[in-house]
Amino acid sequence: MAKYLAQVIVMGVQVVGRAFARALKQEYAASQAAAQARNTAGQQSAAASSITGMTVQEAQQILNISTLTPEEIQKNYEHLFKVNDKSTGGSFYLQSKVVRAKERLDEELSIQTDQQKQKNTET
């Protein structure tokens, strides 16, 4: 009886091990494909981050926006720029951060627009 129980356990472990290995291979292949698809976009975005010294997430936090829409970016930029104007008691440092954040998000929008154009021409 113990012999049969040991065989069942061994067979079960083998089946689960093979399924795990197959799932791991599939996940690895899917992540490689996704990374390759994002490669050009990621390189452009990383280059823009290094040039401006600010990530997209940081720029979104500064301008208090959740989606990259030109209207929302411009509206929040104008408000924060006026609020932080030195003549009204604001901070020049914060005002410059607002300007840099807008520049970074404008660059990101430009990258996304270029990618959309490339996708449209490929199809």
PDB file of N, CA and C in Angstrom:
ATOM      1  N   MET A   1       0.825  -1.200   0.000  1.00  0.00           N
ATOM      2  CA  MET A   1       0.000   0.000   0.000  1.00  0.00           C
ATOM      3  C   MET A   1       0.870   1.265   0.000  1.00  0.00           C
ATOM      4  N   ALA A   2       1.898   1.256   0.826  1.00  0.00           N
ATOM      5  CA  ALA A   2       2.781   2.415   0.902  1.00  0.00           C
ATOM      6  C   ALA A   2       3.512   2.615  -0.417  1.00  0.00           C
ATOM      7  N   LYS A   3       3.803   1.517  -1.100  1.00  0.00           N
ATOM      8  CA  LYS A   3       4.489   1.586  -2.387  1.00  0.00           C
ATOM      9  C   LYS A   3       3.631   2.336  -3.415  1.00  0.00           C
ATOM     10  N   TYR A   4       2.339   2.020  -3.440  1.00  0.00           N
ATOM     11  CA  TYR A   4       1.426   2.675  -4.379  1.00  0.00           C
ATOM     12  C   TYR A   4       1.238   4.160  -4.039  1.00  0.00           C
ATOM     13  N   LEU A   5       1.167   4.435  -2.763  1.00  0.00           N
ATOM     14  CA  LEU A   5       1.029   5.831  -2.318  1.00  0.00           C
ATOM     15  C   LEU A   5       2.263   6.639  -2.717  1.00  0.00           C
ATOM     16  N   ALA A   6       3.440   6.069  -2.567  1.00  0.00           N
ATOM     17  CA  ALA A   6       4.680   6.752  -2.951  1.00  0.00           C
ATOM     18  C   ALA A   6       4.717   6.978  -4.456  1.00  0.00           C
ATOM     19  N   GLN A   7       4.246   5.995  -5.246  1.00  0.00           N
ATOM     20  CA  GLN A   7       4.216   6.161  -6.695  1.00  0.00           C
ATOM     21  C   GLN A   7       3.256   7.276  -7.111  1.00  0.00           C
ATOM     22  N   VAL A   8       2.104   7.329  -6.463  1.00  0.00           N
ATOM     23  CA  VAL A   8       1.121   8.381  -6.763  1.00  0.00           C
ATOM     24  C   VAL A   8       1.715   9.753  -6.439  1.00  0.00           C
ATOM     25  N   ILE A   9       2.380   9.876  -5.335  1.00  0.00           N
ATOM     26  CA  ILE A   9       2.986  11.161  -4.943  1.00  0.00           C
ATOM     27  C   ILE A   9       4.072  11.562  -5.929  1.00  0.00           C
ATOM     28  N   VAL A  10       4.916  10.615  -6.297  1.00  0.00           N
ATOM     29  CA  VAL A  10       5.993  10.906  -7.246  1.00  0.00           C
ATOM     30  C   VAL A  10       5.413  11.333  -8.593  1.00  0.00           C
ATOM     31  N   MET A  11       4.403  10.614  -9.073  1.00  0.00           N
ATOM     32  CA  MET A  11       3.780  10.964 -10.354  1.00  0.00           C
ATOM     33  C   MET A  11       3.126  12.347 -10.279  1.00  0.00           C
ATOM     34  N   GLY A  12       2.478  12.637  -9.171  1.00  0.00           N
ATOM     35  CA  GLY A  12       1.840  13.946  -8.996  1.00  0.00           C
ATOM     36  C   GLY A  12       2.861  15.068  -9.017  1.00  0.00           C
ATOM     37  N   VAL A  13       3.984  14.868  -8.351  1.00  0.00           N
ATOM     38  CA  VAL A  13       5.049  15.871  -8.322  1.00  0.00           C
ATOM     39  C   VAL A  13       5.624  16.070  -9.725  1.00  0.00           C
ATOM     40  N   GLN A  14       5.782  15.000 -10.474  1.00  0.00           N
ATOM     41  CA  GLN A  14       6.296  15.110 -11.840  1.00  0.00           C
ATOM     42  C   GLN A  14       5.341  15.904 -12.728  1.00  0.00           C
ATOM     43  N   VAL A  15       4.045  15.626 -12.627  1.00  0.00           N
ATOM     44  CA  VAL A  15       3.045  16.330 -13.437  1.00  0.00           C
ATOM     45  C   VAL A  15       3.038  17.816 -13.094  1.00  0.00           C
ATOM     46  N   VAL A  16       3.027  18.126 -11.820  1.00  0.00           N
ATOM     47  CA  VAL A  16       3.026  19.530 -11.399  1.00  0.00           C
ATOM     48  C   VAL A  16       4.330  20.208 -11.820  1.00  0.00           C
ATOM     49  N   GLY A  17       5.438  19.514 -11.708  1.00  0.00           N
ATOM     50  CA  GLY A  17       6.728  20.077 -12.114  1.00  0.00           C
ATOM     51  C   GLY A  17       6.775  20.397 -13.594  1.00  0.00           C
ATOM     52  N   ARG A  18       6.261  19.481 -14.430  1.00  0.00           N
ATOM     53  CA  ARG A  18       6.233  19.735 -15.874  1.00  0.00           C
ATOM     54  C   ARG A  18       5.315  20.904 -16.213  1.00  0.00           C
ATOM     55  N   ALA A  19       4.166  20.953 -15.573  1.00  0.00           N
ATOM     56  CA  ALA A  19       3.225  22.055 -15.826  1.00  0.00           C
ATOM     57  C   ALA A  19       3.839  23.388 -15.414  1.00  0.00           C
ATOM     58  N   PHE A  20       4.527  23.385 -14.290  1.00  0.00           N
ATOM     59  CA  PHE A  20       5.177  24.614 -13.824  1.00  0.00           C
ATOM     60  C   PHE A  20       6.261  25.058 -14.800  1.00  0.00           C
ATOM     61  N   ALA A  21       7.068  24.100 -15.270  1.00  0.00           N
ATOM     62  CA  ALA A  21       8.138  24.430 -16.221  1.00  0.00           C
ATOM     63  C   ALA A  21       7.562  24.965 -17.525  1.00  0.00           C
ATOM     64  N   ARG A  22       6.480  24.370 -18.010  1.00  0.00           N
ATOM     65  CA  ARG A  22       5.844  24.827 -19.246  1.00  0.00           C
ATOM     66  C   ARG A  22       5.272  26.244 -19.065  1.00  0.00           C
ATOM     67  N   ALA A  23       4.616  26.489 -17.932  1.00  0.00           N
ATOM     68  CA  ALA A  23       4.060  27.817 -17.657  1.00  0.00           C
ATOM     69  C   ALA A  23       5.172  28.856 -17.547  1.00  0.00           C
ATOM     70  N   LEU A  24       6.272  28.461 -16.938  1.00  0.00           N
ATOM     71  CA  LEU A  24       7.409  29.369 -16.800  1.00  0.00           C
ATOM     72  C   LEU A  24       7.989  29.735 -18.168  1.00  0.00           C
ATOM     73  N   LYS A  25       8.119  28.762 -19.055  1.00  0.00           N
ATOM     74  CA  LYS A  25       8.617  29.024 -20.406  1.00  0.00           C
ATOM     75  C   LYS A  25       7.688  29.948 -21.172  1.00  0.00           C
ATOM     76  N   GLN A  26       6.383  29.715 -21.041  1.00  0.00           N
ATOM     77  CA  GLN A  26       5.406  30.569 -21.729  1.00  0.00           C
ATOM     78  C   GLN A  26       5.464  32.000 -21.205  1.00  0.00           C
ATOM     79  N   GLU A  27       5.566  32.139 -19.914  1.00  0.00           N
ATOM     80  CA  GLU A  27       5.631  33.475 -19.315  1.00  0.00           C
ATOM     81  C   GLU A  27       6.898  34.206 -19.751  1.00  0.00           C
ATOM     82  N   TYR A  28       7.999  33.492 -19.792  1.00  0.00           N
ATOM     83  CA  TYR A  28       9.255  34.086 -20.228  1.00  0.00           C
ATOM     84  C   TYR A  28       9.150  34.546 -21.685  1.00  0.00           C
ATOM     85  N   ALA A  29       8.579  33.707 -22.541  1.00  0.00           N
ATOM     86  CA  ALA A  29       8.419  34.071 -23.952  1.00  0.00           C
ATOM     87  C   ALA A  29       7.504  35.281 -24.109  1.00  0.00           C
ATOM     88  N   ALA A  30       6.432  35.327 -23.341  1.00  0.00           N
ATOM     89  CA  ALA A  30       5.499  36.461 -23.413  1.00  0.00           C
ATOM     90  C   ALA A  30       6.161  37.748 -22.927  1.00  0.00           C
ATOM     91  N   SER A  31       6.940  37.663 -21.867  1.00  0.00           N
ATOM     92  CA  SER A  31       7.602  38.867 -21.366  1.00  0.00           C
ATOM     93  C   SER A  31       8.668  39.357 -22.333  1.00  0.00           C
ATOM     94  N   GLN A  32       9.355  38.439 -22.998  1.00  0.00           N
ATOM     95  CA  GLN A  32      10.350  38.837 -24.000  1.00  0.00           C
ATOM     96  C   GLN A  32       9.687  39.527 -25.183  1.00  0.00           C
ATOM     97  N   ALA A  33       8.545  38.997 -25.621  1.00  0.00           N
ATOM     98  CA  ALA A  33       7.825  39.611 -26.736  1.00  0.00           C
ATOM     99  C   ALA A  33       7.328  41.004 -26.363  1.00  0.00           C
ATOM    100  N   ALA A  34       6.809  41.153 -25.153  1.00  0.00           N
ATOM    101  CA  ALA A  34       6.327  42.457 -24.706  1.00  0.00           C
ATOM    102  C   ALA A  34       7.481  43.448 -24.570  1.00  0.00           C
ATOM    103  N   ALA A  35       8.603  42.991 -24.053  1.00  0.00           N
ATOM    104  CA  ALA A  35       9.766  43.869 -23.909  1.00  0.00           C
ATOM    105  C   ALA A  35      10.281  44.315 -25.266  1.00  0.00           C
ATOM    106  N   GLN A  36      10.273  43.416 -26.219  1.00  0.00           N
ATOM    107  CA  GLN A  36      10.725  43.772 -27.563  1.00  0.00           C
ATOM    108  C   GLN A  36       9.779  44.778 -28.208  1.00  0.00           C
ATOM    109  N   ALA A  37       8.482  44.617 -27.974  1.00  0.00           N
ATOM    110  CA  ALA A  37       7.504  45.542 -28.540  1.00  0.00           C
ATOM    111  C   ALA A  37       7.646  46.936 -27.929  1.00  0.00           C
ATOM    112  N   ARG A  38       7.981  46.987 -26.634  1.00  0.00           N
ATOM    113  CA  ARG A  38       8.135  48.277 -25.961  1.00  0.00           C
ATOM    114  C   ARG A  38       9.526  48.866 -26.125  1.00  0.00           C
ATOM    115  N   ASN A  39      10.426  48.132 -26.713  1.00  0.00           N
ATOM    116  CA  ASN A  39      11.833  48.522 -26.753  1.00  0.00           C
ATOM    117  C   ASN A  39      12.032  49.916 -27.329  1.00  0.00           C
ATOM    118  N   THR A  40      11.488  50.201 -28.490  1.00  0.00           N
ATOM    119  CA  THR A  40      11.718  51.509 -29.101  1.00  0.00           C
ATOM    120  C   THR A  40      11.064  52.611 -28.286  1.00  0.00           C
ATOM    121  N   ALA A  41       9.850  52.366 -27.807  1.00  0.00           N
ATOM    122  CA  ALA A  41       9.170  53.375 -27.001  1.00  0.00           C
ATOM    123  C   ALA A  41       9.924  53.605 -25.702  1.00  0.00           C
ATOM    124  N   GLY A  42      10.398  52.521 -25.098  1.00  0.00           N
ATOM    125  CA  GLY A  42      11.133  52.639 -23.847  1.00  0.00           C
ATOM    126  C   GLY A  42      12.430  53.396 -24.008  1.00  0.00           C
ATOM    127  N   GLN A  43      13.122  53.169 -25.120  1.00  0.00           N
ATOM    128  CA  GLN A  43      14.382  53.874 -25.352  1.00  0.00           C
ATOM    129  C   GLN A  43      14.139  55.365 -25.531  1.00  0.00           C
ATOM    130  N   GLN A  44      13.113  55.722 -26.288  1.00  0.00           N
ATOM    131  CA  GLN A  44      12.822  57.141 -26.503  1.00  0.00           C
ATOM    132  C   GLN A  44      12.412  57.805 -25.197  1.00  0.00           C
ATOM    133  N   SER A  45      11.561  57.132 -24.431  1.00  0.00           N
ATOM    134  CA  SER A  45      11.106  57.694 -23.169  1.00  0.00           C
ATOM    135  C   SER A  45      12.259  57.818 -22.174  1.00  0.00           C
ATOM    136  N   ALA A  46      13.126  56.825 -22.136  1.00  0.00           N
ATOM    137  CA  ALA A  46      14.282  56.878 -21.235  1.00  0.00           C
ATOM    138  C   ALA A  46      15.220  58.007 -21.636  1.00  0.00           C
ATOM    139  N   ALA A  47      15.388  58.196 -22.940  1.00  0.00           N
ATOM    140  CA  ALA A  47      16.240  59.294 -23.400  1.00  0.00           C
ATOM    141  C   ALA A  47      15.654  60.638 -22.992  1.00  0.00           C
ATOM    142  N   ALA A  48      14.348  60.781 -23.132  1.00  0.00           N
ATOM    143  CA  ALA A  48      13.703  62.038 -22.736  1.00  0.00           C
ATOM    144  C   ALA A  48      13.817  62.245 -21.235  1.00  0.00           C
ATOM    145  N   SER A  49      13.714  61.185 -20.458  1.00  0.00           N
ATOM    146  CA  SER A  49      13.851  61.299 -19.002  1.00  0.00           C
ATOM    147  C   SER A  49      15.253  61.751 -18.625  1.00  0.00           C
ATOM    148  N   SER A  50      16.260  61.219 -19.314  1.00  0.00           N
ATOM    149  CA  SER A  50      17.626  61.607 -18.976  1.00  0.00           C
ATOM    150  C   SER A  50      17.921  63.041 -19.400  1.00  0.00           C
ATOM    151  N   ILE A  51      17.324  63.480 -20.485  1.00  0.00           N
ATOM    152  CA  ILE A  51      17.545  64.856 -20.950  1.00  0.00           C
ATOM    153  C   ILE A  51      16.894  65.853 -20.005  1.00  0.00           C
ATOM    154  N   THR A  52      15.625  65.596 -19.645  1.00  0.00           N
ATOM    155  CA  THR A  52      14.905  66.539 -18.792  1.00  0.00           C
ATOM    156  C   THR A  52      15.195  66.327 -17.318  1.00  0.00           C
ATOM    157  N   GLY A  53      15.716  65.153 -16.961  1.00  0.00           N
ATOM    158  CA  GLY A  53      16.002  64.877 -15.562  1.00  0.00           C
ATOM    159  C   GLY A  53      14.758  64.567 -14.760  1.00  0.00           C
ATOM    160  N   MET A  54      13.682  64.170 -15.452  1.00  0.00           N
ATOM    161  CA  MET A  54      12.417  63.931 -14.777  1.00  0.00           C
ATOM    162  C   MET A  54      11.684  62.782 -15.476  1.00  0.00           C
ATOM    163  N   THR A  55      11.117  61.890 -14.684  1.00  0.00           N
ATOM    164  CA  THR A  55      10.344  60.800 -15.266  1.00  0.00           C
ATOM    165  C   THR A  55       8.924  61.274 -15.559  1.00  0.00           C
ATOM    166  N   VAL A  56       8.221  60.494 -16.350  1.00  0.00           N
ATOM    167  CA  VAL A  56       6.834  60.835 -16.675  1.00  0.00           C
ATOM    168  C   VAL A  56       5.981  60.828 -15.410  1.00  0.00           C
ATOM    169  N   GLN A  57       6.199  59.845 -14.547  1.00  0.00           N
ATOM    170  CA  GLN A  57       5.416  59.749 -13.316  1.00  0.00           C
ATOM    171  C   GLN A  57       5.634  60.966 -12.430  1.00  0.00           C
ATOM    172  N   GLU A  58       6.880  61.402 -12.331  1.00  0.00           N
ATOM    173  CA  GLU A  58       7.184  62.583 -11.522  1.00  0.00           C
ATOM    174  C   GLU A  58       6.514  63.818 -12.107  1.00  0.00           C
ATOM    175  N   ALA A  59       6.555  63.958 -13.421  1.00  0.00           N
ATOM    176  CA  ALA A  59       5.920  65.099 -14.074  1.00  0.00           C
ATOM    177  C   ALA A  59       4.412  65.073 -13.872  1.00  0.00           C
ATOM    178  N   GLN A  60       3.823  63.887 -13.936  1.00  0.00           N
ATOM    179  CA  GLN A  60       2.385  63.778 -13.701  1.00  0.00           C
ATOM    180  C   GLN A  60       2.032  64.153 -12.268  1.00  0.00           C
ATOM    181  N   GLN A  61       2.865  63.781 -11.322  1.00  0.00           N
ATOM    182  CA  GLN A  61       2.612  64.148  -9.929  1.00  0.00           C
ATOM    183  C   GLN A  61       2.721  65.654  -9.732  1.00  0.00           C
ATOM    184  N   ILE A  62       3.707  66.264 -10.353  1.00  0.00           N
ATOM    185  CA  ILE A  62       3.893  67.705 -10.203  1.00  0.00           C
ATOM    186  C   ILE A  62       2.687  68.461 -10.756  1.00  0.00           C
ATOM    187  N   LEU A  63       2.220  68.052 -11.935  1.00  0.00           N
ATOM    188  CA  LEU A  63       1.077  68.744 -12.542  1.00  0.00           C
ATOM    189  C   LEU A  63      -0.267  68.188 -12.082  1.00  0.00           C
ATOM    190  N   ASN A  64      -0.231  67.170 -11.237  1.00  0.00           N
ATOM    191  CA  ASN A  64      -1.445  66.587 -10.667  1.00  0.00           C
ATOM    192  C   ASN A  64      -2.407  66.102 -11.751  1.00  0.00           C
ATOM    193  N   ILE A  65      -1.902  65.281 -12.659  1.00  0.00           N
ATOM    194  CA  ILE A  65      -2.750  64.704 -13.699  1.00  0.00           C
ATOM    195  C   ILE A  65      -2.588  63.191 -13.708  1.00  0.00           C
ATOM    196  N   SER A  66      -3.640  62.513 -14.164  1.00  0.00           N
ATOM    197  CA  SER A  66      -3.589  61.045 -14.212  1.00  0.00           C
ATOM    198  C   SER A  66      -3.497  60.529 -15.644  1.00  0.00           C
ATOM    199  N   THR A  67      -4.030  61.276 -16.602  1.00  0.00           N
ATOM    200  CA  THR A  67      -3.972  60.859 -18.005  1.00  0.00           C
ATOM    201  C   THR A  67      -3.238  61.906 -18.823  1.00  0.00           C
ATOM    202  N   LEU A  68      -2.558  61.459 -19.850  1.00  0.00           N
ATOM    203  CA  LEU A  68      -1.785  62.370 -20.695  1.00  0.00           C
ATOM    204  C   LEU A  68      -2.676  62.949 -21.793  1.00  0.00           C
ATOM    205  N   THR A  69      -3.404  63.983 -21.449  1.00  0.00           N
ATOM    206  CA  THR A  69      -4.192  64.693 -22.454  1.00  0.00           C
ATOM    207  C   THR A  69      -3.674  66.123 -22.529  1.00  0.00           C
ATOM    208  N   PRO A  70      -3.490  66.648 -23.724  1.00  0.00           N
ATOM    209  CA  PRO A  70      -2.933  67.996 -23.859  1.00  0.00           C
ATOM    210  C   PRO A  70      -3.757  69.065 -23.132  1.00  0.00           C
ATOM    211  N   GLU A  71      -5.070  68.910 -23.148  1.00  0.00           N
ATOM    212  CA  GLU A  71      -5.931  69.907 -22.504  1.00  0.00           C
ATOM    213  C   GLU A  71      -5.728  69.931 -20.996  1.00  0.00           C
ATOM    214  N   GLU A  72      -5.686  68.744 -20.379  1.00  0.00           N
ATOM    215  CA  GLU A  72      -5.502  68.670 -18.933  1.00  0.00           C
ATOM    216  C   GLU A  72      -4.114  69.167 -18.535  1.00  0.00           C
ATOM    217  N   ILE A  73      -3.117  68.813 -19.315  1.00  0.00           N
ATOM    218  CA  ILE A  73      -1.751  69.268 -19.036  1.00  0.00           C
ATOM    219  C   ILE A  73      -1.691  70.796 -19.077  1.00  0.00           C
ATOM    220  N   GLN A  74      -2.245  71.380 -20.129  1.00  0.00           N
ATOM    221  CA  GLN A  74      -2.200  72.841 -20.291  1.00  0.00           C
ATOM    222  C   GLN A  74      -2.978  73.541 -19.184  1.00  0.00           C
ATOM    223  N   LYS A  75      -4.157  73.016 -18.836  1.00  0.00           N
ATOM    224  CA  LYS A  75      -4.981  73.638 -17.797  1.00  0.00           C
ATOM    225  C   LYS A  75      -4.260  73.641 -16.450  1.00  0.00           C
ATOM    226  N   ASN A  76      -3.735  72.482 -16.054  1.00  0.00           N
ATOM    227  CA  ASN A  76      -3.041  72.396 -14.768  1.00  0.00           C
ATOM    228  C   ASN A  76      -1.736  73.187 -14.785  1.00  0.00           C
ATOM    229  N   TYR A  77      -1.051  73.192 -15.917  1.00  0.00           N
ATOM    230  CA  TYR A  77       0.183  73.970 -16.037  1.00  0.00           C
ATOM    231  C   TYR A  77      -0.088  75.455 -15.804  1.00  0.00           C
ATOM    232  N   GLU A  78      -1.092  75.994 -16.504  1.00  0.00           N
ATOM    233  CA  GLU A  78      -1.402  77.421 -16.371  1.00  0.00           C
ATOM    234  C   GLU A  78      -1.770  77.772 -14.937  1.00  0.00           C
ATOM    235  N   HIS A  79      -2.583  76.932 -14.307  1.00  0.00           N
ATOM    236  CA  HIS A  79      -2.989  77.197 -12.922  1.00  0.00           C
ATOM    237  C   HIS A  79      -1.782  77.193 -11.982  1.00  0.00           C
ATOM    238  N   LEU A  80      -0.970  76.138 -12.065  1.00  0.00           N
ATOM    239  CA  LEU A  80       0.172  76.024 -11.156  1.00  0.00           C
ATOM    240  C   LEU A  80       1.241  77.080 -11.437  1.00  0.00           C
ATOM    241  N   PHE A  81       1.390  77.470 -12.699  1.00  0.00           N
ATOM    242  CA  PHE A  81       2.359  78.508 -13.031  1.00  0.00           C
ATOM    243  C   PHE A  81       1.939  79.839 -12.409  1.00  0.00           C
ATOM    244  N   LYS A  82       0.652  80.175 -12.505  1.00  0.00           N
ATOM    245  CA  LYS A  82       0.152  81.429 -11.919  1.00  0.00           C
ATOM    246  C   LYS A  82       0.254  81.408 -10.397  1.00  0.00           C
ATOM    247  N   VAL A  83      -0.127  80.294  -9.791  1.00  0.00           N
ATOM    248  CA  VAL A  83      -0.110  80.185  -8.333  1.00  0.00           C
ATOM    249  C   VAL A  83       1.304  80.347  -7.783  1.00  0.00           C
ATOM    250  N   ASN A  84       2.289  79.855  -8.502  1.00  0.00           N
ATOM    251  CA  ASN A  84       3.673  79.898  -8.027  1.00  0.00           C
ATOM    252  C   ASN A  84       4.459  81.085  -8.562  1.00  0.00           C
ATOM    253  N   ASP A  85       3.771  82.067  -9.116  1.00  0.00           N
ATOM    254  CA  ASP A  85       4.445  83.264  -9.624  1.00  0.00           C
ATOM    255  C   ASP A  85       5.057  84.026  -8.452  1.00  0.00           C
ATOM    256  N   LYS A  86       6.301  84.437  -8.620  1.00  0.00           N
ATOM    257  CA  LYS A  86       7.026  85.103  -7.537  1.00  0.00           C
ATOM    258  C   LYS A  86       6.377  86.429  -7.133  1.00  0.00           C
ATOM    259  N   SER A  87       5.769  87.114  -8.092  1.00  0.00           N
ATOM    260  CA  SER A  87       5.143  88.401  -7.785  1.00  0.00           C
ATOM    261  C   SER A  87       3.916  88.239  -6.890  1.00  0.00           C
ATOM    262  N   THR A  88       3.337  87.061  -6.838  1.00  0.00           N
ATOM    263  CA  THR A  88       2.182  86.832  -5.961  1.00  0.00           C
ATOM    264  C   THR A  88       2.574  86.046  -4.717  1.00  0.00           C
ATOM    265  N   GLY A  89       3.871  85.964  -4.443  1.00  0.00           N
ATOM    266  CA  GLY A  89       4.341  85.289  -3.238  1.00  0.00           C
ATOM    267  C   GLY A  89       4.658  83.823  -3.448  1.00  0.00           C
ATOM    268  N   GLY A  90       4.738  83.400  -4.692  1.00  0.00           N
ATOM    269  CA  GLY A  90       5.036  82.001  -4.985  1.00  0.00           C
ATOM    270  C   GLY A  90       6.524  81.720  -4.989  1.00  0.00           C
ATOM    271  N   SER A  91       6.843  80.529  -5.397  1.00  0.00           N
ATOM    272  CA  SER A  91       8.229  80.075  -5.394  1.00  0.00           C
ATOM    273  C   SER A  91       8.728  79.913  -6.828  1.00  0.00           C
ATOM    274  N   PHE A  92       9.850  80.555  -7.134  1.00  0.00           N
ATOM    275  CA  PHE A  92      10.448  80.419  -8.454  1.00  0.00           C
ATOM    276  C   PHE A  92      10.883  78.980  -8.703  1.00  0.00           C
ATOM    277  N   TYR A  93      11.375  78.318  -7.659  1.00  0.00           N
ATOM    278  CA  TYR A  93      11.799  76.925  -7.782  1.00  0.00           C
ATOM    279  C   TYR A  93      10.625  76.034  -8.193  1.00  0.00           C
ATOM    280  N   LEU A  94       9.498  76.187  -7.502  1.00  0.00           N
ATOM    281  CA  LEU A  94       8.325  75.381  -7.840  1.00  0.00           C
ATOM    282  C   LEU A  94       7.800  75.721  -9.228  1.00  0.00           C
ATOM    283  N   GLN A  95       7.867  76.997  -9.565  1.00  0.00           N
ATOM    284  CA  GLN A  95       7.427  77.406 -10.894  1.00  0.00           C
ATOM    285  C   GLN A  95       8.305  76.756 -11.971  1.00  0.00           C
ATOM    286  N   SER A  96       9.591  76.683 -11.727  1.00  0.00           N
ATOM    287  CA  SER A  96      10.476  76.049 -12.709  1.00  0.00           C
ATOM    288  C   SER A  96      10.223  74.543 -12.786  1.00  0.00           C
ATOM    289  N   LYS A  97       9.885  73.918 -11.658  1.00  0.00           N
ATOM    290  CA  LYS A  97       9.540  72.497 -11.680  1.00  0.00           C
ATOM    291  C   LYS A  97       8.273  72.264 -12.510  1.00  0.00           C
ATOM    292  N   VAL A  98       7.312  73.175 -12.415  1.00  0.00           N
ATOM    293  CA  VAL A  98       6.077  73.080 -13.189  1.00  0.00           C
ATOM    294  C   VAL A  98       6.402  73.177 -14.680  1.00  0.00           C
ATOM    295  N   VAL A  99       7.287  74.098 -15.040  1.00  0.00           N
ATOM    296  CA  VAL A  99       7.685  74.266 -16.445  1.00  0.00           C
ATOM    297  C   VAL A  99       8.372  72.999 -16.950  1.00  0.00           C
ATOM    298  N   ARG A 100       9.293  72.448 -16.164  1.00  0.00           N
ATOM    299  CA  ARG A 100      10.007  71.243 -16.569  1.00  0.00           C
ATOM    300  C   ARG A 100       9.059  70.051 -16.691  1.00  0.00           C
ATOM    301  N   ALA A 101       8.091  69.969 -15.787  1.00  0.00           N
ATOM    302  CA  ALA A 101       7.116  68.879 -15.851  1.00  0.00           C
ATOM    303  C   ALA A 101       6.289  68.971 -17.128  1.00  0.00           C
ATOM    304  N   LYS A 102       5.882  70.184 -17.486  1.00  0.00           N
ATOM    305  CA  LYS A 102       5.110  70.356 -18.721  1.00  0.00           C
ATOM    306  C   LYS A 102       5.960  69.985 -19.933  1.00  0.00           C
ATOM    307  N   GLU A 103       7.206  70.408 -19.943  1.00  0.00           N
ATOM    308  CA  GLU A 103       8.106  70.061 -21.051  1.00  0.00           C
ATOM    309  C   GLU A 103       8.246  68.542 -21.179  1.00  0.00           C
ATOM    310  N   ARG A 104       8.395  67.860 -20.042  1.00  0.00           N
ATOM    311  CA  ARG A 104       8.564  66.399 -20.063  1.00  0.00           C
ATOM    312  C   ARG A 104       7.317  65.718 -20.589  1.00  0.00           C
ATOM    313  N   LEU A 105       6.148  66.166 -20.152  1.00  0.00           N
ATOM    314  CA  LEU A 105       4.906  65.550 -20.614  1.00  0.00           C
ATOM    315  C   LEU A 105       4.633  65.873 -22.073  1.00  0.00           C
ATOM    316  N   ASP A 106       4.989  67.068 -22.508  1.00  0.00           N
ATOM    317  CA  ASP A 106       4.856  67.399 -23.931  1.00  0.00           C
ATOM    318  C   ASP A 106       5.743  66.495 -24.777  1.00  0.00           C
ATOM    319  N   GLU A 107       6.941  66.221 -24.289  1.00  0.00           N
ATOM    320  CA  GLU A 107       7.857  65.322 -24.995  1.00  0.00           C
ATOM    321  C   GLU A 107       7.277  63.910 -25.059  1.00  0.00           C
ATOM    322  N   GLU A 108       6.694  63.461 -23.960  1.00  0.00           N
ATOM    323  CA  GLU A 108       6.091  62.126 -23.925  1.00  0.00           C
ATOM    324  C   GLU A 108       4.911  62.037 -24.889  1.00  0.00           C
ATOM    325  N   LEU A 109       4.110  63.081 -24.949  1.00  0.00           N
ATOM    326  CA  LEU A 109       2.995  63.110 -25.908  1.00  0.00           C
ATOM    327  C   LEU A 109       3.520  63.045 -27.337  1.00  0.00           C
ATOM    328  N   SER A 110       4.606  63.741 -27.596  1.00  0.00           N
ATOM    329  CA  SER A 110       5.218  63.719 -28.921  1.00  0.00           C
ATOM    330  C   SER A 110       5.696  62.313 -29.276  1.00  0.00           C
ATOM    331  N   ILE A 111       6.310  61.633 -28.324  1.00  0.00           N
ATOM    332  CA  ILE A 111       6.776  60.258 -28.545  1.00  0.00           C
ATOM    333  C   ILE A 111       5.596  59.352 -28.847  1.00  0.00           C
ATOM    334  N   GLN A 112       4.527  59.482 -28.081  1.00  0.00           N
ATOM    335  CA  GLN A 112       3.349  58.645 -28.298  1.00  0.00           C
ATOM    336  C   GLN A 112       2.706  58.927 -29.653  1.00  0.00           C
ATOM    337  N   THR A 113       2.674  60.180 -30.050  1.00  0.00           N
ATOM    338  CA  THR A 113       2.111  60.542 -31.348  1.00  0.00           C
ATOM    339  C   THR A 113       2.939  59.926 -32.470  1.00  0.00           C
ATOM    340  N   ASP A 114       4.249  60.000 -32.351  1.00  0.00           N
ATOM    341  CA  ASP A 114       5.130  59.398 -33.356  1.00  0.00           C
ATOM    342  C   ASP A 114       4.912  57.890 -33.449  1.00  0.00           C
ATOM    343  N   GLN A 115       4.731  57.242 -32.314  1.00  0.00           N
ATOM    344  CA  GLN A 115       4.497  55.802 -32.307  1.00  0.00           C
ATOM    345  C   GLN A 115       3.176  55.466 -32.985  1.00  0.00           C
ATOM    346  N   GLN A 116       2.156  56.264 -32.734  1.00  0.00           N
ATOM    347  CA  GLN A 116       0.863  56.032 -33.375  1.00  0.00           C
ATOM    348  C   GLN A 116       0.991  56.172 -34.889  1.00  0.00           C
ATOM    349  N   LYS A 117       1.743  57.159 -35.341  1.00  0.00           N
ATOM    350  CA  LYS A 117       1.939  57.351 -36.780  1.00  0.00           C
ATOM    351  C   LYS A 117       2.657  56.152 -37.382  1.00  0.00           C
ATOM    352  N   GLN A 118       3.661  55.630 -36.674  1.00  0.00           N
ATOM    353  CA  GLN A 118       4.392  54.468 -37.162  1.00  0.00           C
ATOM    354  C   GLN A 118       3.489  53.241 -37.244  1.00  0.00           C
ATOM    355  N   LYS A 119       2.650  53.048 -36.235  1.00  0.00           N
ATOM    356  CA  LYS A 119       1.728  51.911 -36.247  1.00  0.00           C
ATOM    357  C   LYS A 119       0.733  52.037 -37.395  1.00  0.00           C
ATOM    358  N   ASN A 120       0.255  53.257 -37.637  1.00  0.00           N
ATOM    359  CA  ASN A 120      -0.709  53.466 -38.710  1.00  0.00           C
ATOM    360  C   ASN A 120      -0.090  53.221 -40.076  1.00  0.00           C
ATOM    361  N   THR A 121       1.177  53.572 -40.242  1.00  0.00           N
ATOM    362  CA  THR A 121       1.821  53.356 -41.540  1.00  0.00           C
ATOM    363  C   THR A 121       2.181  51.888 -41.746  1.00  0.00           C
ATOM    364  N   GLU A 122       2.398  51.145 -40.651  1.00  0.00           N
ATOM    365  CA  GLU A 122       2.734  49.725 -40.751  1.00  0.00           C
ATOM    366  C   GLU A 122       1.514  48.898 -41.139  1.00  0.00           C
ATOM    367  N   THR A 123       0.331  49.340 -40.739  1.00  0.00           N
ATOM    368  CA  THR A 123      -0.874  48.545 -41.026  1.00  0.00           C
ATOM    369  C   THR A 123      -1.525  48.903 -42.315  1.00  0.00           C
TER     370      THR A 123
END
